[in-house]
Each structure stands twice: as C-alpha cells, then as structure tokens.
Amino acid sequence: MDERWERALAWHQALPMGRRKVEYNATILRILSALQDAPTIAALEDRYAAGLAWATEIAKDGFPDTPALWATERTADVAFGLRARQILGLPGAPPPEPPKAGS
C-alpha cells in the first residue's frame, strides 16, 4: 500500500475523537464512497495519480468554511488507504459498499 496512505491512516487513528475528527470522518467517508468503483490496487493508484481536485471539491462542498478539511493529506489519503484495506481484505476499514443497482 502507498506509504502516504499508511501515514494518513496512522494520523487519523491517532486523532482524538472530537468535533474535528467527526468532520474529517464525514469528508473521508464521502471520498471513500466515490472510490468504490476502483476494484483493484492498480486502479486505485491510477485514480490517485490522476489528481485529487475532485476530492478537494467534496471537502469544500461539505465544509465550505473549514479550509483545514480541504487538505488531501488529511482526507483523500485516509480514504484511499481505507479503500486499499477494503480491496486487500485488511482490518481497519468499513465494509465495502454494495454495488449500486444497474452496475
């Protein structure tokens, strides 16, 4: 798994529960939901390499007045790490979302 994603997961795990972590979680889960279409680690890495502007937009939409939540190393990297764990079947990630109807 990408070292950046591992670092982000460690940071997130160490973050004490409180309002800020709840806000980060809301953003992370929205980004994670958008990553469910990446079925393999290679597809996930390609998605990451293509850029993270879309993830920043998700954060801005959810928290337009909280620029700290727009930092991809605090949101997207965690979501990518969680999706990688889902793909690899490792603990520490929510279960993958079921496929959407018509997929």
PDB file of N, CA and C in Angstrom:
ATOM      1  N   MET A   1       0.847  -1.179   0.000  1.00  0.00           N
ATOM      2  CA  MET A   1       0.000   0.000   0.000  1.00  0.00           C
ATOM      3  C   MET A   1       0.893   1.243   0.000  1.00  0.00           C
ATOM      4  N   ASP A   2       0.423   2.287  -0.633  1.00  0.00           N
ATOM      5  CA  ASP A   2       1.160   3.545  -0.735  1.00  0.00           C
ATOM      6  C   ASP A   2       1.518   4.066   0.662  1.00  0.00           C
ATOM      7  N   GLU A   3       2.768   4.467   0.819  1.00  0.00           N
ATOM      8  CA  GLU A   3       3.255   4.950   2.113  1.00  0.00           C
ATOM      9  C   GLU A   3       2.484   6.182   2.598  1.00  0.00           C
ATOM     10  N   ARG A   4       2.080   7.057   1.676  1.00  0.00           N
ATOM     11  CA  ARG A   4       1.307   8.246   2.068  1.00  0.00           C
ATOM     12  C   ARG A   4      -0.011   7.840   2.702  1.00  0.00           C
ATOM     13  N   TRP A   5      -0.623   6.807   2.143  1.00  0.00           N
ATOM     14  CA  TRP A   5      -1.911   6.342   2.668  1.00  0.00           C
ATOM     15  C   TRP A   5      -1.727   5.729   4.050  1.00  0.00           C
ATOM     16  N   GLU A   6      -0.648   4.985   4.227  1.00  0.00           N
ATOM     17  CA  GLU A   6      -0.361   4.394   5.536  1.00  0.00           C
ATOM     18  C   GLU A   6      -0.138   5.486   6.584  1.00  0.00           C
ATOM     19  N   ARG A   7       0.638   6.511   6.223  1.00  0.00           N
ATOM     20  CA  ARG A   7       0.879   7.627   7.154  1.00  0.00           C
ATOM     21  C   ARG A   7      -0.426   8.326   7.509  1.00  0.00           C
ATOM     22  N   ALA A   8      -1.262   8.550   6.499  1.00  0.00           N
ATOM     23  CA  ALA A   8      -2.540   9.227   6.732  1.00  0.00           C
ATOM     24  C   ALA A   8      -3.437   8.398   7.646  1.00  0.00           C
ATOM     25  N   LEU A   9      -3.462   7.089   7.433  1.00  0.00           N
ATOM     26  CA  LEU A   9      -4.266   6.224   8.302  1.00  0.00           C
ATOM     27  C   LEU A   9      -3.763   6.271   9.743  1.00  0.00           C
ATOM     28  N   ALA A  10      -2.450   6.266   9.927  1.00  0.00           N
ATOM     29  CA  ALA A  10      -1.878   6.340  11.274  1.00  0.00           C
ATOM     30  C   ALA A  10      -2.236   7.669  11.933  1.00  0.00           C
ATOM     31  N   TRP A  11      -2.138   8.769  11.169  1.00  0.00           N
ATOM     32  CA  TRP A  11      -2.514  10.085  11.698  1.00  0.00           C
ATOM     33  C   TRP A  11      -3.975  10.083  12.125  1.00  0.00           C
ATOM     34  N   HIS A  12      -4.844   9.560  11.262  1.00  0.00           N
ATOM     35  CA  HIS A  12      -6.276   9.568  11.534  1.00  0.00           C
ATOM     36  C   HIS A  12      -6.602   8.711  12.766  1.00  0.00           C
ATOM     37  N   GLN A  13      -5.964   7.575  12.862  1.00  0.00           N
ATOM     38  CA  GLN A  13      -6.213   6.697  14.007  1.00  0.00           C
ATOM     39  C   GLN A  13      -5.793   7.372  15.314  1.00  0.00           C
ATOM     40  N   ALA A  14      -4.714   8.136  15.273  1.00  0.00           N
ATOM     41  CA  ALA A  14      -4.208   8.796  16.478  1.00  0.00           C
ATOM     42  C   ALA A  14      -4.986  10.067  16.830  1.00  0.00           C
ATOM     43  N   LEU A  15      -5.758  10.593  15.895  1.00  0.00           N
ATOM     44  CA  LEU A  15      -6.520  11.824  16.131  1.00  0.00           C
ATOM     45  C   LEU A  15      -7.577  11.567  17.203  1.00  0.00           C
ATOM     46  N   PRO A  16      -7.580  12.354  18.272  1.00  0.00           N
ATOM     47  CA  PRO A  16      -8.580  12.122  19.323  1.00  0.00           C
ATOM     48  C   PRO A  16      -9.994  12.403  18.807  1.00  0.00           C
ATOM     49  N   MET A  17     -10.943  11.620  19.334  1.00  0.00           N
ATOM     50  CA  MET A  17     -12.326  11.834  18.933  1.00  0.00           C
ATOM     51  C   MET A  17     -12.788  13.184  19.444  1.00  0.00           C
ATOM     52  N   GLY A  18     -13.461  13.888  18.615  1.00  0.00           N
ATOM     53  CA  GLY A  18     -13.980  15.210  18.926  1.00  0.00           C
ATOM     54  C   GLY A  18     -14.624  15.764  17.671  1.00  0.00           C
ATOM     55  N   ARG A  19     -15.050  17.012  17.743  1.00  0.00           N
ATOM     56  CA  ARG A  19     -15.743  17.626  16.623  1.00  0.00           C
ATOM     57  C   ARG A  19     -14.926  17.564  15.339  1.00  0.00           C
ATOM     58  N   ARG A  20     -13.628  17.856  15.435  1.00  0.00           N
ATOM     59  CA  ARG A  20     -12.792  17.876  14.226  1.00  0.00           C
ATOM     60  C   ARG A  20     -12.711  16.489  13.586  1.00  0.00           C
ATOM     61  N   LYS A  21     -12.544  15.449  14.401  1.00  0.00           N
ATOM     62  CA  LYS A  21     -12.473  14.100  13.827  1.00  0.00           C
ATOM     63  C   LYS A  21     -13.801  13.720  13.186  1.00  0.00           C
ATOM     64  N   VAL A  22     -14.900  14.119  13.777  1.00  0.00           N
ATOM     65  CA  VAL A  22     -16.215  13.857  13.187  1.00  0.00           C
ATOM     66  C   VAL A  22     -16.315  14.539  11.821  1.00  0.00           C
ATOM     67  N   GLU A  23     -15.822  15.770  11.730  1.00  0.00           N
ATOM     68  CA  GLU A  23     -15.837  16.480  10.444  1.00  0.00           C
ATOM     69  C   GLU A  23     -14.925  15.784   9.433  1.00  0.00           C
ATOM     70  N   TYR A  24     -13.737  15.405   9.860  1.00  0.00           N
ATOM     71  CA  TYR A  24     -12.847  14.669   8.953  1.00  0.00           C
ATOM     72  C   TYR A  24     -13.520  13.381   8.492  1.00  0.00           C
ATOM     73  N   ASN A  25     -14.129  12.656   9.424  1.00  0.00           N
ATOM     74  CA  ASN A  25     -14.779  11.396   9.066  1.00  0.00           C
ATOM     75  C   ASN A  25     -15.870  11.601   8.022  1.00  0.00           C
ATOM     76  N   ALA A  26     -16.647  12.655   8.168  1.00  0.00           N
ATOM     77  CA  ALA A  26     -17.717  12.919   7.201  1.00  0.00           C
ATOM     78  C   ALA A  26     -17.141  13.108   5.800  1.00  0.00           C
ATOM     79  N   THR A  27     -16.051  13.842   5.712  1.00  0.00           N
ATOM     80  CA  THR A  27     -15.409  14.073   4.421  1.00  0.00           C
ATOM     81  C   THR A  27     -14.758  12.801   3.900  1.00  0.00           C
ATOM     82  N   ILE A  28     -14.055  12.095   4.757  1.00  0.00           N
ATOM     83  CA  ILE A  28     -13.369  10.862   4.364  1.00  0.00           C
ATOM     84  C   ILE A  28     -14.373   9.842   3.828  1.00  0.00           C
ATOM     85  N   LEU A  29     -15.495   9.688   4.505  1.00  0.00           N
ATOM     86  CA  LEU A  29     -16.479   8.694   4.070  1.00  0.00           C
ATOM     87  C   LEU A  29     -17.105   9.060   2.722  1.00  0.00           C
ATOM     88  N   ARG A  30     -17.270  10.344   2.465  1.00  0.00           N
ATOM     89  CA  ARG A  30     -17.787  10.759   1.147  1.00  0.00           C
ATOM     90  C   ARG A  30     -16.768  10.456   0.055  1.00  0.00           C
ATOM     91  N   ILE A  31     -15.503  10.690   0.325  1.00  0.00           N
ATOM     92  CA  ILE A  31     -14.461  10.379  -0.655  1.00  0.00           C
ATOM     93  C   ILE A  31     -14.356   8.861  -0.827  1.00  0.00           C
ATOM     94  N   LEU A  32     -14.393   8.128   0.264  1.00  0.00           N
ATOM     95  CA  LEU A  32     -14.341   6.668   0.197  1.00  0.00           C
ATOM     96  C   LEU A  32     -15.486   6.124  -0.648  1.00  0.00           C
ATOM     97  N   SER A  33     -16.651   6.682  -0.498  1.00  0.00           N
ATOM     98  CA  SER A  33     -17.796   6.253  -1.297  1.00  0.00           C
ATOM     99  C   SER A  33     -17.519   6.436  -2.785  1.00  0.00           C
ATOM    100  N   ALA A  34     -16.868   7.542  -3.130  1.00  0.00           N
ATOM    101  CA  ALA A  34     -16.543   7.810  -4.539  1.00  0.00           C
ATOM    102  C   ALA A  34     -15.463   6.868  -5.071  1.00  0.00           C
ATOM    103  N   LEU A  35     -14.733   6.217  -4.176  1.00  0.00           N
ATOM    104  CA  LEU A  35     -13.651   5.310  -4.593  1.00  0.00           C
ATOM    105  C   LEU A  35     -14.104   3.862  -4.751  1.00  0.00           C
ATOM    106  N   GLN A  36     -15.355   3.587  -4.487  1.00  0.00           N
ATOM    107  CA  GLN A  36     -15.826   2.209  -4.540  1.00  0.00           C
ATOM    108  C   GLN A  36     -15.754   1.622  -5.944  1.00  0.00           C
ATOM    109  N   ASP A  37     -15.636   2.462  -6.954  1.00  0.00           N
ATOM    110  CA  ASP A  37     -15.549   1.951  -8.333  1.00  0.00           C
ATOM    111  C   ASP A  37     -14.133   1.493  -8.692  1.00  0.00           C
ATOM    112  N   ALA A  38     -13.180   1.661  -7.784  1.00  0.00           N
ATOM    113  CA  ALA A  38     -11.810   1.177  -8.022  1.00  0.00           C
ATOM    114  C   ALA A  38     -11.720  -0.250  -7.473  1.00  0.00           C
ATOM    115  N   PRO A  39     -11.716  -1.270  -8.346  1.00  0.00           N
ATOM    116  CA  PRO A  39     -11.776  -2.653  -7.869  1.00  0.00           C
ATOM    117  C   PRO A  39     -10.433  -3.261  -7.477  1.00  0.00           C
ATOM    118  N   THR A  40      -9.333  -2.616  -7.867  1.00  0.00           N
ATOM    119  CA  THR A  40      -8.005  -3.163  -7.605  1.00  0.00           C
ATOM    120  C   THR A  40      -7.087  -2.067  -7.071  1.00  0.00           C
ATOM    121  N   ILE A  41      -5.967  -2.487  -6.486  1.00  0.00           N
ATOM    122  CA  ILE A  41      -4.977  -1.515  -6.019  1.00  0.00           C
ATOM    123  C   ILE A  41      -4.437  -0.716  -7.204  1.00  0.00           C
ATOM    124  N   ALA A  42      -4.215  -1.373  -8.333  1.00  0.00           N
ATOM    125  CA  ALA A  42      -3.708  -0.659  -9.517  1.00  0.00           C
ATOM    126  C   ALA A  42      -4.695   0.417  -9.963  1.00  0.00           C
ATOM    127  N   ALA A  43      -5.981   0.103  -9.958  1.00  0.00           N
ATOM    128  CA  ALA A  43      -6.992   1.104 -10.334  1.00  0.00           C
ATOM    129  C   ALA A  43      -7.019   2.241  -9.330  1.00  0.00           C
ATOM    130  N   LEU A  44      -6.842   1.909  -8.059  1.00  0.00           N
ATOM    131  CA  LEU A  44      -6.813   2.931  -7.014  1.00  0.00           C
ATOM    132  C   LEU A  44      -5.595   3.839  -7.186  1.00  0.00           C
ATOM    133  N   GLU A  45      -4.441   3.253  -7.476  1.00  0.00           N
ATOM    134  CA  GLU A  45      -3.228   4.051  -7.702  1.00  0.00           C
ATOM    135  C   GLU A  45      -3.380   4.933  -8.925  1.00  0.00           C
ATOM    136  N   ASP A  46      -4.004   4.420  -9.981  1.00  0.00           N
ATOM    137  CA  ASP A  46      -4.253   5.235 -11.175  1.00  0.00           C
ATOM    138  C   ASP A  46      -5.160   6.414 -10.850  1.00  0.00           C
ATOM    139  N   ARG A  47      -6.181   6.160 -10.060  1.00  0.00           N
ATOM    140  CA  ARG A  47      -7.118   7.222  -9.673  1.00  0.00           C
ATOM    141  C   ARG A  47      -6.383   8.303  -8.882  1.00  0.00           C
ATOM    142  N   TYR A  48      -5.486   7.882  -7.997  1.00  0.00           N
ATOM    143  CA  TYR A  48      -4.713   8.824  -7.189  1.00  0.00           C
ATOM    144  C   TYR A  48      -3.793   9.649  -8.088  1.00  0.00           C
ATOM    145  N   ALA A  49      -3.115   8.969  -9.004  1.00  0.00           N
ATOM    146  CA  ALA A  49      -2.171   9.645  -9.901  1.00  0.00           C
ATOM    147  C   ALA A  49      -2.867  10.639 -10.825  1.00  0.00           C
ATOM    148  N   ALA A  50      -4.137  10.423 -11.089  1.00  0.00           N
ATOM    149  CA  ALA A  50      -4.889  11.316 -11.986  1.00  0.00           C
ATOM    150  C   ALA A  50      -5.205  12.660 -11.337  1.00  0.00           C
ATOM    151  N   GLY A  51      -5.025  12.759 -10.021  1.00  0.00           N
ATOM    152  CA  GLY A  51      -5.248  14.029  -9.344  1.00  0.00           C
ATOM    153  C   GLY A  51      -6.358  13.954  -8.324  1.00  0.00           C
ATOM    154  N   LEU A  52      -6.318  14.874  -7.379  1.00  0.00           N
ATOM    155  CA  LEU A  52      -7.245  14.845  -6.250  1.00  0.00           C
ATOM    156  C   LEU A  52      -8.155  16.066  -6.177  1.00  0.00           C
ATOM    157  N   ALA A  53      -8.226  16.836  -7.241  1.00  0.00           N
ATOM    158  CA  ALA A  53      -9.085  18.023  -7.221  1.00  0.00           C
ATOM    159  C   ALA A  53     -10.530  17.655  -6.898  1.00  0.00           C
ATOM    160  N   TRP A  54     -10.984  16.528  -7.419  1.00  0.00           N
ATOM    161  CA  TRP A  54     -12.362  16.080  -7.156  1.00  0.00           C
ATOM    162  C   TRP A  54     -12.582  15.838  -5.660  1.00  0.00           C
ATOM    163  N   ALA A  55     -11.569  15.312  -4.963  1.00  0.00           N
ATOM    164  CA  ALA A  55     -11.680  15.057  -3.531  1.00  0.00           C
ATOM    165  C   ALA A  55     -11.715  16.375  -2.751  1.00  0.00           C
ATOM    166  N   THR A  56     -10.931  17.331  -3.194  1.00  0.00           N
ATOM    167  CA  THR A  56     -10.953  18.647  -2.556  1.00  0.00           C
ATOM    168  C   THR A  56     -12.327  19.278  -2.717  1.00  0.00           C
ATOM    169  N   GLU A  57     -12.952  19.106  -3.868  1.00  0.00           N
ATOM    170  CA  GLU A  57     -14.292  19.645  -4.092  1.00  0.00           C
ATOM    171  C   GLU A  57     -15.316  19.000  -3.160  1.00  0.00           C
ATOM    172  N   ILE A  58     -15.182  17.699  -2.926  1.00  0.00           N
ATOM    173  CA  ILE A  58     -16.072  17.031  -1.971  1.00  0.00           C
ATOM    174  C   ILE A  58     -15.930  17.674  -0.598  1.00  0.00           C
ATOM    175  N   ALA A  59     -14.695  17.913  -0.178  1.00  0.00           N
ATOM    176  CA  ALA A  59     -14.451  18.535   1.129  1.00  0.00           C
ATOM    177  C   ALA A  59     -15.003  19.957   1.172  1.00  0.00           C
ATOM    178  N   LYS A  60     -14.788  20.715   0.116  1.00  0.00           N
ATOM    179  CA  LYS A  60     -15.288  22.096   0.071  1.00  0.00           C
ATOM    180  C   LYS A  60     -16.809  22.143   0.084  1.00  0.00           C
ATOM    181  N   ASP A  61     -17.442  21.201  -0.616  1.00  0.00           N
ATOM    182  CA  ASP A  61     -18.902  21.152  -0.637  1.00  0.00           C
ATOM    183  C   ASP A  61     -19.461  20.861   0.756  1.00  0.00           C
ATOM    184  N   GLY A  62     -18.815  19.948   1.468  1.00  0.00           N
ATOM    185  CA  GLY A  62     -19.298  19.569   2.791  1.00  0.00           C
ATOM    186  C   GLY A  62     -18.976  20.587   3.864  1.00  0.00           C
ATOM    187  N   PHE A  63     -17.826  21.226   3.748  1.00  0.00           N
ATOM    188  CA  PHE A  63     -17.367  22.165   4.774  1.00  0.00           C
ATOM    189  C   PHE A  63     -16.756  23.400   4.106  1.00  0.00           C
ATOM    190  N   PRO A  64     -17.590  24.230   3.491  1.00  0.00           N
ATOM    191  CA  PRO A  64     -17.054  25.369   2.724  1.00  0.00           C
ATOM    192  C   PRO A  64     -16.314  26.401   3.564  1.00  0.00           C
ATOM    193  N   ASP A  65     -16.566  26.427   4.862  1.00  0.00           N
ATOM    194  CA  ASP A  65     -15.929  27.421   5.726  1.00  0.00           C
ATOM    195  C   ASP A  65     -14.810  26.837   6.583  1.00  0.00           C
ATOM    196  N   THR A  66     -14.346  25.608   6.237  1.00  0.00           N
ATOM    197  CA  THR A  66     -13.324  24.950   7.046  1.00  0.00           C
ATOM    198  C   THR A  66     -12.179  24.474   6.155  1.00  0.00           C
ATOM    199  N   PRO A  67     -11.295  25.384   5.736  1.00  0.00           N
ATOM    200  CA  PRO A  67     -10.210  25.008   4.821  1.00  0.00           C
ATOM    201  C   PRO A  67      -9.304  23.889   5.331  1.00  0.00           C
ATOM    202  N   ALA A  68      -9.189  23.704   6.632  1.00  0.00           N
ATOM    203  CA  ALA A  68      -8.350  22.615   7.150  1.00  0.00           C
ATOM    204  C   ALA A  68      -8.831  21.258   6.636  1.00  0.00           C
ATOM    205  N   LEU A  69     -10.118  21.146   6.369  1.00  0.00           N
ATOM    206  CA  LEU A  69     -10.674  19.878   5.890  1.00  0.00           C
ATOM    207  C   LEU A  69     -10.453  19.664   4.402  1.00  0.00           C
ATOM    208  N   TRP A  70      -9.926  20.649   3.724  1.00  0.00           N
ATOM    209  CA  TRP A  70      -9.692  20.513   2.288  1.00  0.00           C
ATOM    210  C   TRP A  70      -8.338  19.872   1.996  1.00  0.00           C
ATOM    211  N   ALA A  71      -7.501  19.710   2.999  1.00  0.00           N
ATOM    212  CA  ALA A  71      -6.149  19.166   2.811  1.00  0.00           C
ATOM    213  C   ALA A  71      -6.235  17.687   2.455  1.00  0.00           C
ATOM    214  N   THR A  72      -5.827  17.336   1.247  1.00  0.00           N
ATOM    215  CA  THR A  72      -5.976  15.956   0.791  1.00  0.00           C
ATOM    216  C   THR A  72      -5.152  14.976   1.618  1.00  0.00           C
ATOM    217  N   GLU A  73      -4.045  15.429   2.220  1.00  0.00           N
ATOM    218  CA  GLU A  73      -3.268  14.503   3.051  1.00  0.00           C
ATOM    219  C   GLU A  73      -4.013  14.164   4.344  1.00  0.00           C
ATOM    220  N   ARG A  74      -5.068  14.890   4.633  1.00  0.00           N
ATOM    221  CA  ARG A  74      -5.874  14.636   5.828  1.00  0.00           C
ATOM    222  C   ARG A  74      -7.211  13.990   5.494  1.00  0.00           C
ATOM    223  N   THR A  75      -7.586  13.955   4.247  1.00  0.00           N
ATOM    224  CA  THR A  75      -8.893  13.402   3.876  1.00  0.00           C
ATOM    225  C   THR A  75      -8.749  12.344   2.785  1.00  0.00           C
ATOM    226  N   ALA A  76      -8.321  12.760   1.609  1.00  0.00           N
ATOM    227  CA  ALA A  76      -8.232  11.818   0.491  1.00  0.00           C
ATOM    228  C   ALA A  76      -7.250  10.694   0.781  1.00  0.00           C
ATOM    229  N   ASP A  77      -6.102  11.002   1.353  1.00  0.00           N
ATOM    230  CA  ASP A  77      -5.123   9.947   1.621  1.00  0.00           C
ATOM    231  C   ASP A  77      -5.674   8.907   2.594  1.00  0.00           C
ATOM    232  N   VAL A  78      -6.451   9.359   3.580  1.00  0.00           N
ATOM    233  CA  VAL A  78      -7.091   8.410   4.500  1.00  0.00           C
ATOM    234  C   VAL A  78      -8.103   7.560   3.735  1.00  0.00           C
ATOM    235  N   ALA A  79      -8.924   8.200   2.908  1.00  0.00           N
ATOM    236  CA  ALA A  79      -9.935   7.461   2.147  1.00  0.00           C
ATOM    237  C   ALA A  79      -9.288   6.455   1.194  1.00  0.00           C
ATOM    238  N   PHE A  80      -8.215   6.858   0.530  1.00  0.00           N
ATOM    239  CA  PHE A  80      -7.512   5.922  -0.354  1.00  0.00           C
ATOM    240  C   PHE A  80      -6.941   4.754   0.449  1.00  0.00           C
ATOM    241  N   GLY A  81      -6.398   5.045   1.626  1.00  0.00           N
ATOM    242  CA  GLY A  81      -5.878   3.984   2.476  1.00  0.00           C
ATOM    243  C   GLY A  81      -6.976   3.028   2.930  1.00  0.00           C
ATOM    244  N   LEU A  82      -8.130   3.578   3.278  1.00  0.00           N
ATOM    245  CA  LEU A  82      -9.253   2.726   3.672  1.00  0.00           C
ATOM    246  C   LEU A  82      -9.725   1.858   2.504  1.00  0.00           C
ATOM    247  N   ARG A  83      -9.788   2.454   1.308  1.00  0.00           N
ATOM    248  CA  ARG A  83     -10.222   1.665   0.151  1.00  0.00           C
ATOM    249  C   ARG A  83      -9.202   0.568  -0.154  1.00  0.00           C
ATOM    250  N   ALA A  84      -7.924   0.873  -0.019  1.00  0.00           N
ATOM    251  CA  ALA A  84      -6.897  -0.142  -0.237  1.00  0.00           C
ATOM    252  C   ALA A  84      -7.081  -1.291   0.754  1.00  0.00           C
ATOM    253  N   ARG A  85      -7.376  -0.965   2.006  1.00  0.00           N
ATOM    254  CA  ARG A  85      -7.619  -2.007   3.005  1.00  0.00           C
ATOM    255  C   ARG A  85      -8.842  -2.843   2.634  1.00  0.00           C
ATOM    256  N   GLN A  86      -9.877  -2.198   2.125  1.00  0.00           N
ATOM    257  CA  GLN A  86     -11.052  -2.950   1.679  1.00  0.00           C
ATOM    258  C   GLN A  86     -10.676  -3.930   0.571  1.00  0.00           C
ATOM    259  N   ILE A  87      -9.959  -3.431  -0.423  1.00  0.00           N
ATOM    260  CA  ILE A  87      -9.570  -4.256  -1.573  1.00  0.00           C
ATOM    261  C   ILE A  87      -8.712  -5.431  -1.118  1.00  0.00           C
ATOM    262  N   LEU A  88      -7.790  -5.163  -0.205  1.00  0.00           N
ATOM    263  CA  LEU A  88      -6.861  -6.197   0.262  1.00  0.00           C
ATOM    264  C   LEU A  88      -7.462  -7.104   1.343  1.00  0.00           C
ATOM    265  N   GLY A  89      -8.656  -6.741   1.812  1.00  0.00           N
ATOM    266  CA  GLY A  89      -9.284  -7.536   2.859  1.00  0.00           C
ATOM    267  C   GLY A  89      -8.622  -7.384   4.218  1.00  0.00           C
ATOM    268  N   LEU A  90      -8.009  -6.233   4.442  1.00  0.00           N
ATOM    269  CA  LEU A  90      -7.333  -5.976   5.717  1.00  0.00           C
ATOM    270  C   LEU A  90      -8.294  -5.334   6.713  1.00  0.00           C
ATOM    271  N   PRO A  91      -8.055  -5.537   8.004  1.00  0.00           N
ATOM    272  CA  PRO A  91      -8.904  -4.889   9.003  1.00  0.00           C
ATOM    273  C   PRO A  91      -8.656  -3.387   9.041  1.00  0.00           C
ATOM    274  N   GLY A  92      -9.595  -2.690   9.665  1.00  0.00           N
ATOM    275  CA  GLY A  92      -9.414  -1.257   9.873  1.00  0.00           C
ATOM    276  C   GLY A  92     -10.124  -0.385   8.868  1.00  0.00           C
ATOM    277  N   ALA A  93     -11.022  -0.973   8.077  1.00  0.00           N
ATOM    278  CA  ALA A  93     -11.785  -0.187   7.115  1.00  0.00           C
ATOM    279  C   ALA A  93     -13.243  -0.603   7.197  1.00  0.00           C
ATOM    280  N   PRO A  94     -14.147   0.339   6.915  1.00  0.00           N
ATOM    281  CA  PRO A  94     -15.554  -0.065   6.879  1.00  0.00           C
ATOM    282  C   PRO A  94     -15.769  -1.065   5.747  1.00  0.00           C
ATOM    283  N   PRO A  95     -16.800  -1.894   5.839  1.00  0.00           N
ATOM    284  CA  PRO A  95     -17.034  -2.842   4.741  1.00  0.00           C
ATOM    285  C   PRO A  95     -17.288  -2.092   3.437  1.00  0.00           C
ATOM    286  N   PRO A  96     -16.890  -2.675   2.300  1.00  0.00           N
ATOM    287  CA  PRO A  96     -17.161  -2.019   1.023  1.00  0.00           C
ATOM    288  C   PRO A  96     -18.667  -1.841   0.814  1.00  0.00           C
ATOM    289  N   GLU A  97     -19.009  -0.790   0.097  1.00  0.00           N
ATOM    290  CA  GLU A  97     -20.415  -0.557  -0.219  1.00  0.00           C
ATOM    291  C   GLU A  97     -20.863  -1.601  -1.232  1.00  0.00           C
ATOM    292  N   PRO A  98     -22.115  -2.054  -1.128  1.00  0.00           N
ATOM    293  CA  PRO A  98     -22.613  -2.970  -2.154  1.00  0.00           C
ATOM    294  C   PRO A  98     -22.701  -2.255  -3.491  1.00  0.00           C
ATOM    295  N   PRO A  99     -22.588  -3.002  -4.588  1.00  0.00           N
ATOM    296  CA  PRO A  99     -22.708  -2.365  -5.911  1.00  0.00           C
ATOM    297  C   PRO A  99     -24.065  -1.678  -6.056  1.00  0.00           C
ATOM    298  N   LYS A 100     -24.059  -0.550  -6.719  1.00  0.00           N
ATOM    299  CA  LYS A 100     -25.290   0.182  -6.966  1.00  0.00           C
ATOM    300  C   LYS A 100     -26.116  -0.567  -8.002  1.00  0.00           C
ATOM    301  N   ALA A 101     -27.421  -0.438  -7.906  1.00  0.00           N
ATOM    302  CA  ALA A 101     -28.305  -1.090  -8.872  1.00  0.00           C
ATOM    303  C   ALA A 101     -27.951  -0.659 -10.273  1.00  0.00           C
ATOM    304  N   GLY A 102     -27.891  -1.616 -11.166  1.00  0.00           N
ATOM    305  CA  GLY A 102     -27.558  -1.298 -12.547  1.00  0.00           C
ATOM    306  C   GLY A 102     -26.071  -1.304 -12.832  1.00  0.00           C
ATOM    307  N   SER A 103     -25.256  -1.631 -11.800  1.00  0.00           N
ATOM    308  CA  SER A 103     -23.796  -1.668 -12.003  1.00  0.00           C
ATOM    309  C   SER A 103     -23.320  -3.057 -12.318  1.00  0.00           C
TER     310      SER A 103
END
